[in-house]
N, C-alpha and C. Protein backbone atom coordinates (compact mmCIF):
# COMPACT_ATOMS: atom_id res chain seq x y z
N MET A 1 -9.37 -11.90 12.71
CA MET A 1 -9.21 -10.17 12.63
C MET A 1 -7.47 -10.73 12.66
N GLU A 2 -6.69 -9.25 12.21
CA GLU A 2 -5.08 -8.99 12.59
C GLU A 2 -4.82 -8.87 14.07
N THR A 3 -3.42 -9.19 14.28
CA THR A 3 -3.20 -9.11 15.85
C THR A 3 -3.29 -7.29 15.91
N ALA A 4 -2.98 -6.76 15.39
CA ALA A 4 -2.96 -5.26 15.59
C ALA A 4 -4.50 -4.70 15.81
N GLU A 5 -5.38 -5.03 14.81
CA GLU A 5 -6.66 -4.52 15.31
C GLU A 5 -7.18 -5.23 16.40
N THR A 6 -7.03 -6.53 16.98
CA THR A 6 -7.71 -7.13 18.26
C THR A 6 -6.99 -6.51 19.23
N ARG A 7 -5.91 -6.31 19.18
CA ARG A 7 -5.09 -5.26 19.98
C ARG A 7 -5.56 -3.71 20.49
N THR A 8 -5.76 -3.25 19.36
CA THR A 8 -6.39 -1.95 19.45
C THR A 8 -7.85 -2.00 20.11
N LEU A 9 -8.71 -3.16 19.68
CA LEU A 9 -10.04 -3.48 20.04
C LEU A 9 -10.14 -3.59 21.57
N MET A 10 -9.02 -4.77 22.24
CA MET A 10 -8.97 -4.81 23.58
C MET A 10 -8.39 -3.64 24.32
N GLU A 11 -7.62 -2.78 23.95
CA GLU A 11 -6.99 -1.28 24.76
C GLU A 11 -8.54 -0.84 24.78
N ARG A 12 -9.00 -0.57 23.69
CA ARG A 12 -10.34 0.37 23.32
C ARG A 12 -11.45 -0.35 24.64
N TYR A 13 -11.38 -1.42 24.60
CA TYR A 13 -12.52 -2.27 25.68
C TYR A 13 -12.17 -2.02 27.19
N TYR A 14 -10.77 -2.38 27.30
CA TYR A 14 -10.27 -1.97 28.74
C TYR A 14 -10.29 -0.57 28.96
N ALA A 15 -10.07 0.20 28.38
CA ALA A 15 -9.91 1.83 28.67
C ALA A 15 -11.69 2.14 29.17
N ALA A 16 -12.42 1.62 28.42
CA ALA A 16 -13.95 1.70 28.34
C ALA A 16 -14.58 0.97 29.94
N LEU A 17 -13.89 0.04 29.89
CA LEU A 17 -14.25 -0.66 31.36
C LEU A 17 -13.87 -0.14 32.24
N THR A 18 -12.64 0.29 32.74
CA THR A 18 -12.16 1.30 33.65
C THR A 18 -12.76 1.88 33.85
N THR A 19 -13.66 2.94 33.13
CA THR A 19 -14.26 4.22 33.01
C THR A 19 -15.96 4.14 33.17
N ALA A 20 -16.35 2.64 33.22
CA ALA A 20 -17.74 2.22 33.10
C ALA A 20 -18.35 3.01 31.84
N ASP A 21 -17.85 3.18 30.59
CA ASP A 21 -18.03 3.79 29.32
C ASP A 21 -19.01 3.00 28.81
N GLN A 22 -20.29 2.76 28.93
CA GLN A 22 -21.39 1.69 28.33
C GLN A 22 -21.14 1.71 26.95
N ASP A 23 -21.64 3.16 26.54
CA ASP A 23 -21.69 3.05 24.93
C ASP A 23 -20.53 2.76 24.35
N THR A 24 -19.30 2.93 24.92
CA THR A 24 -18.29 2.38 24.16
C THR A 24 -18.11 0.76 24.30
N LEU A 25 -18.37 0.40 25.75
CA LEU A 25 -18.21 -0.89 25.85
C LEU A 25 -19.10 -1.85 24.51
N LEU A 26 -20.33 -1.06 24.44
CA LEU A 26 -21.54 -1.82 23.36
C LEU A 26 -20.75 -1.92 21.94
N GLU A 27 -20.06 -0.71 21.65
CA GLU A 27 -19.51 -0.71 20.37
C GLU A 27 -18.49 -1.96 20.42
N CYS A 28 -17.89 -2.07 21.52
CA CYS A 28 -16.58 -3.37 21.29
C CYS A 28 -17.27 -4.69 21.09
N LEU A 29 -18.32 -4.85 21.64
CA LEU A 29 -18.75 -6.08 21.98
C LEU A 29 -19.96 -6.46 20.70
N ASP A 30 -19.54 -7.88 19.73
CA ASP A 30 -20.64 -8.29 19.12
C ASP A 30 -22.04 -8.29 19.73
N PRO A 31 -23.32 -7.87 18.88
CA PRO A 31 -24.51 -7.98 19.70
C PRO A 31 -24.61 -9.04 20.22
N ASP A 32 -24.38 -10.43 19.83
CA ASP A 32 -24.68 -11.60 20.34
C ASP A 32 -23.50 -12.54 21.34
N VAL A 33 -22.41 -11.26 21.46
CA VAL A 33 -21.64 -11.82 22.63
C VAL A 33 -21.94 -13.03 23.54
N VAL A 34 -21.08 -13.67 23.86
CA VAL A 34 -21.21 -14.71 24.95
C VAL A 34 -20.35 -14.42 25.90
N TRP A 35 -20.58 -14.47 26.91
CA TRP A 35 -19.78 -14.25 28.23
C TRP A 35 -19.78 -15.63 29.07
N VAL A 36 -18.63 -16.79 29.11
CA VAL A 36 -18.67 -17.79 29.87
C VAL A 36 -18.08 -17.38 31.24
N LEU A 37 -18.63 -17.75 32.28
CA LEU A 37 -18.24 -17.36 33.64
C LEU A 37 -17.86 -18.74 34.38
N PRO A 38 -16.89 -18.37 35.29
CA PRO A 38 -16.38 -19.53 35.82
C PRO A 38 -17.69 -20.33 36.58
N ALA A 39 -17.38 -21.79 36.50
CA ALA A 39 -18.90 -22.75 36.70
C ALA A 39 -19.38 -22.41 38.10
N THR A 40 -17.94 -21.91 39.16
CA THR A 40 -18.47 -21.92 40.80
C THR A 40 -18.72 -20.43 40.71
N ALA A 41 -18.84 -19.56 39.92
CA ALA A 41 -19.16 -18.22 40.29
C ALA A 41 -20.30 -17.97 40.69
N ALA A 42 -20.92 -17.06 41.71
CA ALA A 42 -22.43 -16.91 42.43
C ALA A 42 -22.81 -15.56 41.92
N LEU A 43 -23.05 -15.10 40.91
CA LEU A 43 -23.09 -13.60 40.54
C LEU A 43 -24.94 -13.96 40.22
N GLY A 44 -25.26 -13.18 41.01
CA GLY A 44 -27.22 -13.02 41.02
C GLY A 44 -27.49 -14.64 41.11
N ASN A 45 -27.99 -14.63 39.90
CA ASN A 45 -28.77 -16.30 39.73
C ASN A 45 -27.98 -17.33 39.36
N ALA A 46 -26.44 -17.17 39.71
CA ALA A 46 -25.51 -18.18 39.51
C ALA A 46 -25.62 -19.06 38.26
N VAL A 47 -25.98 -18.20 37.14
CA VAL A 47 -25.76 -18.59 35.94
C VAL A 47 -24.05 -18.65 35.49
N ASP A 48 -24.06 -19.60 34.22
CA ASP A 48 -22.90 -19.90 33.74
C ASP A 48 -22.52 -19.16 32.84
N THR A 49 -23.47 -18.63 31.97
CA THR A 49 -22.86 -17.88 30.65
C THR A 49 -24.22 -16.36 30.90
N MET A 50 -23.57 -15.42 29.83
CA MET A 50 -24.61 -14.42 29.48
C MET A 50 -24.92 -14.26 28.15
N SER A 51 -25.25 -13.96 27.37
CA SER A 51 -25.61 -13.52 26.03
C SER A 51 -25.86 -12.25 25.95
N GLY A 52 -25.62 -11.72 24.73
CA GLY A 52 -25.77 -10.43 24.15
C GLY A 52 -25.03 -9.09 24.78
N ALA A 53 -24.94 -8.18 23.85
CA ALA A 53 -23.95 -7.04 24.01
C ALA A 53 -24.75 -6.33 25.50
N THR A 54 -25.93 -5.80 25.44
CA THR A 54 -26.69 -5.38 26.33
C THR A 54 -26.50 -5.83 27.65
N GLU A 55 -26.88 -7.59 28.04
CA GLU A 55 -26.62 -7.90 29.05
C GLU A 55 -25.34 -7.90 29.58
N VAL A 56 -24.62 -8.13 28.91
CA VAL A 56 -23.04 -8.20 29.25
C VAL A 56 -22.30 -6.96 30.05
N VAL A 57 -22.92 -5.82 28.85
CA VAL A 57 -22.46 -4.49 29.46
C VAL A 57 -23.49 -3.93 30.77
N GLU A 58 -24.64 -4.40 30.58
CA GLU A 58 -25.30 -4.04 31.96
C GLU A 58 -24.52 -4.72 33.31
N ALA A 59 -24.27 -5.48 33.03
CA ALA A 59 -23.34 -6.62 34.19
C ALA A 59 -22.10 -6.05 34.37
N LEU A 60 -21.23 -5.90 33.49
CA LEU A 60 -19.62 -5.63 33.74
C LEU A 60 -19.66 -3.94 33.60
N GLY A 61 -20.41 -3.35 33.03
CA GLY A 61 -20.65 -1.85 33.28
C GLY A 61 -21.02 -1.16 34.30
N GLY A 62 -21.40 -2.17 35.28
CA GLY A 62 -21.95 -1.24 36.26
C GLY A 62 -22.82 -2.18 37.68
N ARG A 63 -23.79 -3.20 37.07
CA ARG A 63 -24.34 -4.10 37.96
C ARG A 63 -23.77 -4.93 38.94
N VAL A 64 -22.72 -5.66 38.14
CA VAL A 64 -22.13 -6.37 39.04
C VAL A 64 -21.04 -5.96 40.09
N VAL A 65 -20.29 -4.40 39.75
CA VAL A 65 -19.50 -3.74 40.22
C VAL A 65 -20.23 -3.13 41.97
N ARG A 66 -21.57 -2.57 41.50
CA ARG A 66 -22.54 -1.99 42.45
C ARG A 66 -23.19 -3.32 43.19
N GLN A 67 -23.48 -4.71 42.86
CA GLN A 67 -23.64 -5.60 43.95
C GLN A 67 -22.51 -6.05 44.82
N SER A 68 -21.34 -6.23 44.37
CA SER A 68 -19.95 -6.88 44.40
C SER A 68 -19.36 -5.63 45.67
N PHE A 69 -19.02 -4.69 45.24
CA PHE A 69 -18.01 -3.56 45.79
C PHE A 69 -18.60 -2.79 46.60
N ASP A 70 -17.74 -2.03 47.49
CA ASP A 70 -18.48 -0.83 47.92
C ASP A 70 -17.65 0.00 47.03
N VAL A 71 -18.57 0.98 45.91
CA VAL A 71 -18.08 2.09 45.25
C VAL A 71 -17.58 3.36 45.79
N ARG A 72 -18.00 3.47 46.99
CA ARG A 72 -17.31 4.59 47.63
C ARG A 72 -15.94 4.57 47.88
N LYS A 73 -15.54 3.25 47.84
CA LYS A 73 -14.17 3.12 48.01
C LYS A 73 -13.45 2.76 46.76
N PRO A 74 -12.03 3.03 46.53
CA PRO A 74 -11.45 2.79 45.42
C PRO A 74 -11.43 1.60 44.96
N ILE A 75 -11.58 1.34 43.63
CA ILE A 75 -11.83 -0.04 43.07
C ILE A 75 -10.63 0.36 41.70
N ASN A 76 -9.58 -0.83 41.46
CA ASN A 76 -8.81 -0.80 40.95
C ASN A 76 -8.62 -2.22 39.85
N LEU A 77 -8.58 -1.77 39.00
CA LEU A 77 -8.55 -2.89 37.88
C LEU A 77 -7.38 -2.57 36.91
N GLU A 78 -6.15 -3.63 36.98
CA GLU A 78 -5.05 -3.42 36.52
C GLU A 78 -4.92 -4.87 35.77
N VAL A 79 -4.66 -4.28 34.26
CA VAL A 79 -4.20 -4.97 33.40
C VAL A 79 -2.57 -5.43 33.49
N ARG A 80 -2.47 -6.74 33.83
CA ARG A 80 -1.21 -7.14 33.75
C ARG A 80 -0.55 -7.83 32.80
N LYS A 81 -1.05 -8.46 32.06
CA LYS A 81 -0.54 -8.60 30.74
C LYS A 81 -1.25 -8.90 29.86
N MET A 82 -1.35 -8.51 28.56
CA MET A 82 -2.37 -8.72 27.23
C MET A 82 -1.64 -9.77 26.34
N THR A 83 -1.79 -10.48 25.93
CA THR A 83 -0.95 -11.20 24.86
C THR A 83 -2.22 -11.76 23.49
N VAL A 84 -1.78 -11.43 22.75
CA VAL A 84 -2.81 -11.22 21.23
C VAL A 84 -2.20 -11.61 20.24
N GLU A 85 -2.94 -12.48 19.51
CA GLU A 85 -2.63 -12.94 18.38
C GLU A 85 -3.94 -13.58 17.52
N ASP A 86 -3.60 -12.68 16.44
CA ASP A 86 -4.85 -12.81 15.37
C ASP A 86 -5.95 -12.29 16.09
N GLY A 87 -7.07 -13.21 15.96
CA GLY A 87 -8.31 -12.77 16.85
C GLY A 87 -8.37 -13.19 18.22
N THR A 88 -7.55 -13.56 18.63
CA THR A 88 -7.77 -14.33 20.32
C THR A 88 -6.74 -13.19 21.12
N ALA A 89 -7.44 -12.93 22.22
CA ALA A 89 -6.86 -12.01 23.19
C ALA A 89 -6.33 -12.78 24.49
N VAL A 90 -5.58 -12.81 25.24
CA VAL A 90 -5.47 -13.58 26.57
C VAL A 90 -5.23 -12.59 27.44
N VAL A 91 -5.83 -12.11 28.62
CA VAL A 91 -5.61 -10.61 29.45
C VAL A 91 -5.71 -11.67 30.73
N GLN A 92 -4.62 -11.46 31.65
CA GLN A 92 -4.29 -11.34 32.92
C GLN A 92 -4.65 -10.27 33.38
N GLN A 93 -5.05 -10.08 34.70
CA GLN A 93 -5.92 -8.75 35.14
C GLN A 93 -5.69 -9.02 36.77
N ARG A 94 -5.84 -7.99 37.71
CA ARG A 94 -5.89 -8.00 38.90
C ARG A 94 -6.84 -6.74 39.17
N LEU A 95 -7.76 -7.28 40.12
CA LEU A 95 -9.23 -6.54 40.55
C LEU A 95 -8.91 -6.45 41.97
N ALA A 96 -8.58 -5.29 42.55
CA ALA A 96 -8.76 -4.81 44.00
C ALA A 96 -9.59 -3.73 44.67
N ALA A 97 -10.62 -4.05 45.42
CA ALA A 97 -11.59 -3.19 45.92
C ALA A 97 -12.16 -3.96 47.09
N THR A 98 -13.15 -3.23 47.75
CA THR A 98 -13.68 -3.66 49.12
C THR A 98 -14.84 -4.09 48.71
N ALA A 99 -15.11 -5.66 49.51
CA ALA A 99 -16.60 -6.40 49.07
C ALA A 99 -17.68 -5.90 49.82
N LYS A 100 -18.66 -5.33 49.33
CA LYS A 100 -19.77 -4.85 49.63
C LYS A 100 -20.72 -5.31 50.73
N ALA A 101 -20.63 -6.65 50.85
CA ALA A 101 -21.39 -7.79 51.65
C ALA A 101 -20.66 -7.52 53.09
N THR A 102 -19.37 -7.64 52.81
CA THR A 102 -18.56 -8.21 54.05
C THR A 102 -17.64 -7.12 54.42
N GLY A 103 -17.18 -6.29 53.78
CA GLY A 103 -16.41 -4.93 53.95
C GLY A 103 -14.78 -5.77 54.12
N LEU A 104 -14.65 -6.73 53.55
CA LEU A 104 -13.34 -7.15 53.57
C LEU A 104 -12.52 -6.54 52.18
N ASP A 105 -11.49 -6.80 52.38
CA ASP A 105 -10.47 -6.55 51.27
C ASP A 105 -10.95 -7.56 49.99
N TYR A 106 -10.69 -6.86 48.76
CA TYR A 106 -11.00 -8.17 47.90
C TYR A 106 -9.84 -7.85 46.90
N ASP A 107 -8.88 -8.93 46.66
CA ASP A 107 -7.69 -8.53 45.66
C ASP A 107 -7.69 -9.95 44.89
N ASN A 108 -8.15 -10.14 43.93
CA ASN A 108 -8.10 -11.16 43.07
C ASN A 108 -7.74 -11.05 41.45
N GLN A 109 -6.83 -11.94 41.18
CA GLN A 109 -6.39 -12.37 40.23
C GLN A 109 -7.03 -13.11 38.82
N TYR A 110 -7.44 -12.51 37.41
CA TYR A 110 -8.01 -13.09 36.49
C TYR A 110 -7.65 -13.36 35.37
N CYS A 111 -8.02 -14.03 34.64
CA CYS A 111 -7.49 -14.51 33.26
C CYS A 111 -8.89 -14.39 32.54
N TRP A 112 -8.99 -13.88 31.28
CA TRP A 112 -9.95 -13.51 30.57
C TRP A 112 -9.28 -14.09 28.89
N VAL A 113 -10.04 -14.90 28.32
CA VAL A 113 -9.78 -15.31 26.85
C VAL A 113 -10.82 -14.65 26.29
N TYR A 114 -10.44 -13.97 25.12
CA TYR A 114 -11.37 -13.09 24.18
C TYR A 114 -11.01 -13.80 22.79
N THR A 115 -12.51 -14.24 22.20
CA THR A 115 -12.35 -14.10 20.87
C THR A 115 -12.73 -13.12 20.25
N CYS A 116 -12.48 -12.31 18.93
CA CYS A 116 -12.53 -11.55 18.27
C CYS A 116 -13.12 -11.71 16.64
N ARG A 117 -14.05 -10.69 16.39
CA ARG A 117 -14.05 -11.54 14.67
C ARG A 117 -14.97 -10.21 14.43
N ASP A 118 -14.53 -9.57 13.33
CA ASP A 118 -15.22 -8.51 13.00
C ASP A 118 -15.20 -7.24 13.46
N GLY A 119 -14.33 -6.83 13.84
CA GLY A 119 -13.83 -5.66 15.00
C GLY A 119 -14.70 -5.59 16.19
N ARG A 120 -15.25 -6.80 16.67
CA ARG A 120 -15.74 -6.68 17.84
C ARG A 120 -15.62 -8.27 18.73
N ILE A 121 -15.86 -8.06 20.25
CA ILE A 121 -15.77 -9.21 20.79
C ILE A 121 -16.37 -10.00 20.69
N ALA A 122 -16.58 -11.30 20.04
CA ALA A 122 -17.65 -12.15 20.20
C ALA A 122 -17.86 -13.47 21.24
N HIS A 123 -16.58 -13.25 21.94
CA HIS A 123 -16.69 -14.48 23.35
C HIS A 123 -15.88 -14.39 24.13
N MET A 124 -16.40 -14.10 25.32
CA MET A 124 -15.20 -13.94 26.13
C MET A 124 -15.30 -15.00 27.44
N GLU A 125 -14.03 -15.85 28.20
CA GLU A 125 -14.45 -16.90 28.95
C GLU A 125 -13.38 -16.03 29.75
N GLU A 126 -13.94 -16.24 31.31
CA GLU A 126 -13.79 -15.69 32.57
C GLU A 126 -13.04 -16.79 33.49
N TYR A 127 -11.57 -16.45 33.90
CA TYR A 127 -11.02 -17.77 34.82
C TYR A 127 -10.65 -16.73 36.31
N THR A 128 -10.97 -17.22 37.41
CA THR A 128 -10.61 -16.63 38.55
C THR A 128 -10.88 -17.48 39.56
N ASP A 129 -10.06 -17.29 40.90
CA ASP A 129 -10.28 -17.99 42.03
C ASP A 129 -11.61 -17.62 42.55
N THR A 130 -12.61 -18.42 42.29
CA THR A 130 -13.92 -18.23 42.78
C THR A 130 -14.18 -18.58 44.18
N LEU A 131 -13.45 -19.36 44.96
CA LEU A 131 -13.41 -20.05 46.45
C LEU A 131 -13.01 -18.96 47.10
N TYR A 132 -12.15 -17.75 46.81
CA TYR A 132 -11.23 -16.77 47.50
C TYR A 132 -12.42 -15.65 47.21
N ALA A 133 -13.03 -15.56 45.79
CA ALA A 133 -13.92 -14.69 45.79
C ALA A 133 -15.22 -14.91 46.94
N ALA A 134 -15.84 -16.01 47.12
CA ALA A 134 -17.02 -16.58 47.85
C ALA A 134 -16.51 -16.09 49.61
N ARG A 135 -15.40 -16.58 49.85
CA ARG A 135 -15.01 -16.13 50.98
C ARG A 135 -15.02 -14.32 51.46
N GLN A 136 -14.29 -13.84 50.42
CA GLN A 136 -14.58 -12.38 50.76
C GLN A 136 -15.71 -11.80 50.59
N MET A 137 -16.44 -12.24 49.73
CA MET A 137 -17.70 -11.74 49.65
C MET A 137 -18.92 -11.85 50.38
N GLY A 138 -18.64 -13.21 50.91
CA GLY A 138 -19.83 -13.82 52.01
C GLY A 138 -20.57 -14.52 51.17
N TRP A 139 -20.35 -15.04 50.24
CA TRP A 139 -21.27 -15.91 49.37
C TRP A 139 -21.53 -17.43 50.25
N ASP A 140 -22.52 -18.00 49.90
CA ASP A 140 -23.14 -19.03 50.58
C ASP A 140 -22.18 -20.35 49.97
N LEU A 141 -21.43 -20.93 50.79
CA LEU A 141 -20.62 -22.20 50.18
C LEU A 141 -21.23 -23.30 50.19
N ASP A 142 -22.43 -23.32 50.95
CA ASP A 142 -23.13 -24.63 51.21
C ASP A 142 -24.27 -24.96 50.38
N VAL A 143 -24.36 -23.95 49.15
CA VAL A 143 -25.12 -24.27 48.08
C VAL A 143 -24.79 -25.24 46.95
């Protein structure tokens, strides 16, 4: 993909992500998209990948947010920097919310690497401080 096309796709994706617009999220993702989570993330079954647009949208577009954060309180997703070249986008972002299980403030930095092709996101890899997340969210660190 051309750089401008990838940037437009990523801007559309993040606009949909911040409003939980699941229809637009589905349009932005390749039907066979793969999301590689940090190896030490404890999302539900402690899986290290999710695949398929429907599964990814259900997770990112609501399920993970509802399981992890107190949705009665503000949730702020801030894109700090987006670097795009051809079909690759690297996005540094900050997520601030209140952890649902503990009531603690959650303020973590993320880096996502996206591979885009044919006008859609085909691969996404997430990097974040999972030890911080575990502490704030009350995950069992002895697992």
